[in-house]
Protein backbone atom coordinates (compact mmCIF):
# COMPACT_ATOMS: atom_id res chain seq x y z
CA HIS A 1 -0.11 -0.15 0.08
CA GLN A 2 1.75 3.22 -1.32
CA VAL A 3 1.46 6.40 1.01
CA ILE A 4 2.72 9.33 -0.69
CA ASN A 5 4.38 12.10 1.54
CA GLY A 6 2.34 15.19 2.35
CA ILE A 7 2.73 18.36 4.45
CA ASP A 8 0.33 20.62 6.23
CA ASP A 9 -1.27 23.21 4.20
CA LEU A 10 -1.09 26.94 4.97
CA SER A 11 -3.77 28.62 6.92
CA ILE A 12 -6.34 30.88 5.29
CA GLU A 13 -4.68 33.88 6.82
CA VAL A 14 -1.25 32.90 5.52
CA LEU A 15 -2.50 32.01 1.97
CA ASN A 16 -4.09 35.65 1.87
CA GLU A 17 -0.77 36.94 3.07
CA SER A 18 1.04 35.02 0.50
CA ARG A 19 -1.08 36.25 -2.22
CA ALA A 20 -0.57 39.90 -1.18
CA ILE A 21 3.08 39.59 -1.27
CA ARG A 22 3.06 37.98 -4.60
CA LYS A 23 0.89 40.99 -5.82
CA GLU A 24 3.44 43.58 -4.29
CA ASN A 25 6.37 41.78 -5.84
CA SER A 26 4.90 41.30 -9.34
CA THR A 27 8.12 42.65 -10.93
CA PRO A 28 10.36 41.67 -12.90
CA LYS A 29 8.10 39.11 -14.80
CA TYR A 30 10.21 36.10 -14.07
CA ARG A 31 11.03 35.64 -10.36
CA LEU A 32 12.93 32.63 -9.51
CA ALA A 33 13.51 31.00 -6.11
CA CYS A 34 15.52 28.15 -4.65
CA ALA A 35 15.33 27.20 -0.89
CA GLY A 36 17.70 24.80 0.76
CA GLY A 37 21.29 24.44 1.95
CA ILE A 38 23.47 26.08 -0.55
CA ASN A 39 25.79 23.33 -1.51
CA GLY A 40 27.03 21.46 -4.61
CA ARG A 41 24.41 18.79 -4.40
CA LYS A 42 21.35 21.24 -4.59
CA GLY A 43 22.94 22.80 -7.72
CA GLN A 44 22.19 26.48 -7.00
CA TRP A 45 25.48 27.14 -8.78
CA MET A 46 24.04 25.86 -12.01
CA ILE A 47 21.19 28.30 -11.86
CA ILE A 48 23.60 31.21 -11.58
CA GLU A 49 25.71 29.73 -14.50
CA ALA A 50 22.78 29.40 -16.52
CA MET A 51 21.81 33.13 -15.86
CA HIS A 52 25.38 34.13 -16.79
CA LYS A 53 24.77 32.66 -20.31
CA LEU A 54 21.64 34.56 -20.92
CA PRO A 55 21.15 37.35 -23.22
CA ARG A 56 20.95 40.69 -21.17
CA HIS A 57 17.34 41.50 -22.41
CA ILE A 58 16.19 38.28 -20.85
CA LEU A 59 18.02 38.90 -17.65
CA GLY A 60 16.27 42.23 -17.34
CA ASN A 61 13.17 40.46 -16.58
CA MET A 62 14.38 37.98 -14.43
CA HIS A 63 15.44 37.58 -10.55
CA LEU A 64 16.70 34.92 -8.35
CA TYR A 65 16.19 34.59 -4.75
CA LEU A 66 18.47 32.19 -2.91
CA ILE A 67 16.84 31.07 0.43
CA GLY A 68 19.21 29.30 2.77
CA ASP A 69 22.73 29.22 3.81
CA GLY A 70 25.59 26.73 3.48
CA PRO A 71 29.35 26.14 2.76
CA GLU A 72 29.22 27.23 -0.85
CA LYS A 73 27.38 30.75 -0.15
CA ILE A 74 30.19 32.79 -0.32
CA VAL A 75 31.55 31.13 -3.27
CA LEU A 76 28.39 31.93 -5.06
CA GLU A 77 28.22 35.42 -3.80
CA ASN A 78 31.79 36.10 -5.27
CA ARG A 79 30.62 34.33 -8.51
CA VAL A 80 27.59 36.66 -8.81
CA ALA A 81 29.83 39.51 -8.34
CA ASP A 82 32.27 38.50 -10.94
CA TYR A 83 29.46 37.96 -13.45
CA GLY A 84 27.98 41.30 -12.57
CA LEU A 85 24.63 39.69 -11.58
CA GLN A 86 24.34 41.56 -8.35
CA ASN A 87 20.93 43.16 -9.49
CA ASN A 88 19.59 39.78 -10.54
CA VAL A 89 20.33 37.72 -7.55
CA THR A 90 19.39 38.12 -3.95
CA PHE A 91 20.87 35.93 -1.13
CA GLU A 92 18.25 35.82 1.43
CA GLY A 93 20.35 33.81 4.00
CA SER A 94 19.12 31.47 6.52
CA VAL A 95 15.20 31.58 7.07
CA PRO A 96 13.01 29.90 9.74
CA ASN A 97 10.88 27.17 8.37
CA THR A 98 7.79 29.11 9.51
CA GLU A 99 8.66 32.04 7.43
CA VAL A 100 9.93 30.45 4.21
CA TYR A 101 6.39 31.12 2.76
CA LYS A 102 7.05 34.91 2.65
CA TYR A 103 9.99 34.49 0.52
CA LEU A 104 8.57 31.88 -1.78
CA ALA A 105 5.70 34.36 -2.14
CA LYS A 106 7.93 37.01 -3.56
CA ALA A 107 8.78 34.54 -6.65
CA ASN A 108 6.79 32.80 -9.00
CA ILE A 109 9.00 29.89 -10.23
CA PHE A 110 10.75 27.56 -8.10
CA VAL A 111 14.05 26.03 -9.55
CA LEU A 112 15.87 22.95 -8.20
CA MET A 113 18.91 21.48 -10.11
CA SER A 114 19.75 18.78 -7.56
CA ALA A 115 21.81 16.01 -8.61
CA ILE A 116 20.35 13.70 -6.00
CA GLU A 117 17.07 13.85 -4.02
CA GLY A 118 14.22 11.82 -2.85
CA LEU A 119 10.88 13.66 -2.69
CA PRO A 120 11.90 17.08 -1.90
CA ILE A 121 10.10 18.82 0.79
CA ALA A 122 11.11 22.25 -0.87
CA LEU A 123 9.15 21.24 -3.94
CA LEU A 124 5.97 20.27 -1.98
CA GLU A 125 6.21 23.79 -0.39
CA ALA A 126 6.51 25.30 -3.94
CA LEU A 127 3.40 23.42 -5.25
CA ARG A 128 1.64 24.71 -1.95
CA SER A 129 2.90 28.21 -2.68
CA SER A 130 1.35 28.06 -6.31
CA MET A 131 4.65 28.23 -8.00
CA ALA A 132 5.68 26.93 -11.42
CA ILE A 133 8.61 24.48 -11.16
CA ILE A 134 11.79 23.70 -13.07
CA ALA A 135 13.68 20.86 -11.64
CA THR A 136 15.89 17.94 -12.61
CA ASN A 137 14.42 14.76 -13.69
CA VAL A 138 15.93 12.49 -10.73
CA SER A 139 14.48 10.22 -8.19
CA GLY A 140 10.88 11.36 -7.02
CA ILE A 141 11.01 14.80 -8.64
CA PRO A 142 9.03 13.57 -11.78
CA GLU A 143 6.06 12.68 -9.72
CA LEU A 144 5.53 16.29 -8.77
CA ILE A 145 5.61 17.81 -12.25
CA ASP A 146 3.25 17.36 -15.11
CA GLU A 147 5.27 18.59 -18.01
CA GLY A 148 4.06 21.87 -19.44
CA VAL A 149 1.24 21.85 -17.04
CA ASN A 150 2.76 22.82 -13.62
CA GLY A 151 6.44 23.17 -14.80
CA PHE A 152 9.20 21.41 -16.54
CA LEU A 153 11.88 18.55 -15.91
CA VAL A 154 15.46 19.13 -17.03
CA GLU A 155 18.51 17.11 -17.27
CA HIS A 156 21.39 17.79 -14.80
CA ASP A 157 22.75 20.04 -17.34
CA ILE A 158 23.39 23.93 -17.45
CA ASP A 159 22.62 24.16 -20.92
CA LYS A 160 19.43 22.45 -20.74
CA LEU A 161 18.41 24.91 -17.93
CA VAL A 162 19.46 27.79 -20.35
CA ASP A 163 17.35 26.54 -23.15
CA ILE A 164 14.29 26.86 -20.86
CA LEU A 165 15.30 30.35 -19.51
CA LYS A 166 15.65 31.49 -22.97
CA ASP A 167 12.20 30.53 -23.87
CA MET A 168 10.32 31.95 -20.77
CA GLU A 169 7.91 34.08 -23.08
CA LYS A 170 6.50 30.90 -24.62
CA HIS A 171 4.72 29.68 -21.24
CA ASP A 172 1.97 30.93 -18.95
CA TRP A 173 3.96 30.66 -15.79
CA ASP A 174 1.31 32.00 -13.53
CA GLU A 175 -1.14 29.60 -14.91
CA MET A 176 1.34 26.74 -14.29
CA GLY A 177 1.76 28.02 -10.65
CA ARG A 178 -2.06 27.90 -10.31
CA ASN A 179 -1.81 24.32 -11.63
CA SER A 180 0.81 23.42 -9.02
CA ARG A 181 -1.59 24.50 -6.30
CA LYS A 182 -4.41 22.34 -7.38
CA LYS A 183 -1.90 19.42 -7.63
CA PHE A 184 -0.93 19.79 -4.09
CA GLU A 185 -4.56 20.16 -2.89
CA ALA A 186 -5.42 17.18 -4.71
CA GLN A 187 -2.36 14.93 -3.77
CA TYR A 188 0.21 16.26 -1.38
CA THR A 189 -1.70 17.49 1.79
CA PHE A 190 -0.91 15.99 5.21
CA LEU A 191 -4.80 15.32 5.50
CA ARG A 192 -4.58 13.18 2.52
CA MET A 193 -1.55 11.36 3.72
CA ARG A 194 -3.24 10.76 6.99
CA GLN A 195 -6.14 9.42 5.31
CA ASN A 196 -4.12 6.93 3.31
CA TYR A 197 -2.53 5.60 6.56
CA VAL A 198 -5.87 5.11 8.09
CA ASP A 199 -7.13 3.38 4.87
CA MET A 200 -4.03 1.12 4.97
CA LEU A 201 -4.66 0.16 8.68
CA ASN A 202 -8.40 -0.52 8.05
CA ARG A 203 -7.35 -3.01 5.25
CA LEU A 204 -5.19 -4.79 7.92
CA TRP A 205 -8.09 -5.20 10.24
């Protein structure tokens, strides 16, 4: 009996606050976010390298929020400075779990270029926060993404990410974000997970 992981939904008050934050932060058009420990495995460096390869007219409509801390943060800060991307990348630093939603609300697209994962809680939080998702095609991640519906899967390759970022205008990212929220409500809430466990136990009795 398979029980898929789920997380608590945000309260009505927090959902309304998140919507207000997103409305206040509607520019630039493409607001990327990545939350998690800043290390090689999570692939934040790949997002920065991909942005460095983009034409300037695309970068003008793009900003990246990196939420978290870790051993590679100072390395990435220096790389952002070397590439002249200071106006396109914000390092938010370590954020309490209870406050992450505020930072996700500033963005509309979650990017995760992990080399190895299970079923990332960060992506469940992105679904919950009505974010479109761009993520690597590894482990359990494909379960969370309906290609072209709520996001896109990419290989663990910088140029593959560049290809998607170059074509941002071809897709309705806000609609994909709404589809992410629908997917969360249907499949990934804690209440759904709890009911699955109850159903499993009932079968044993």
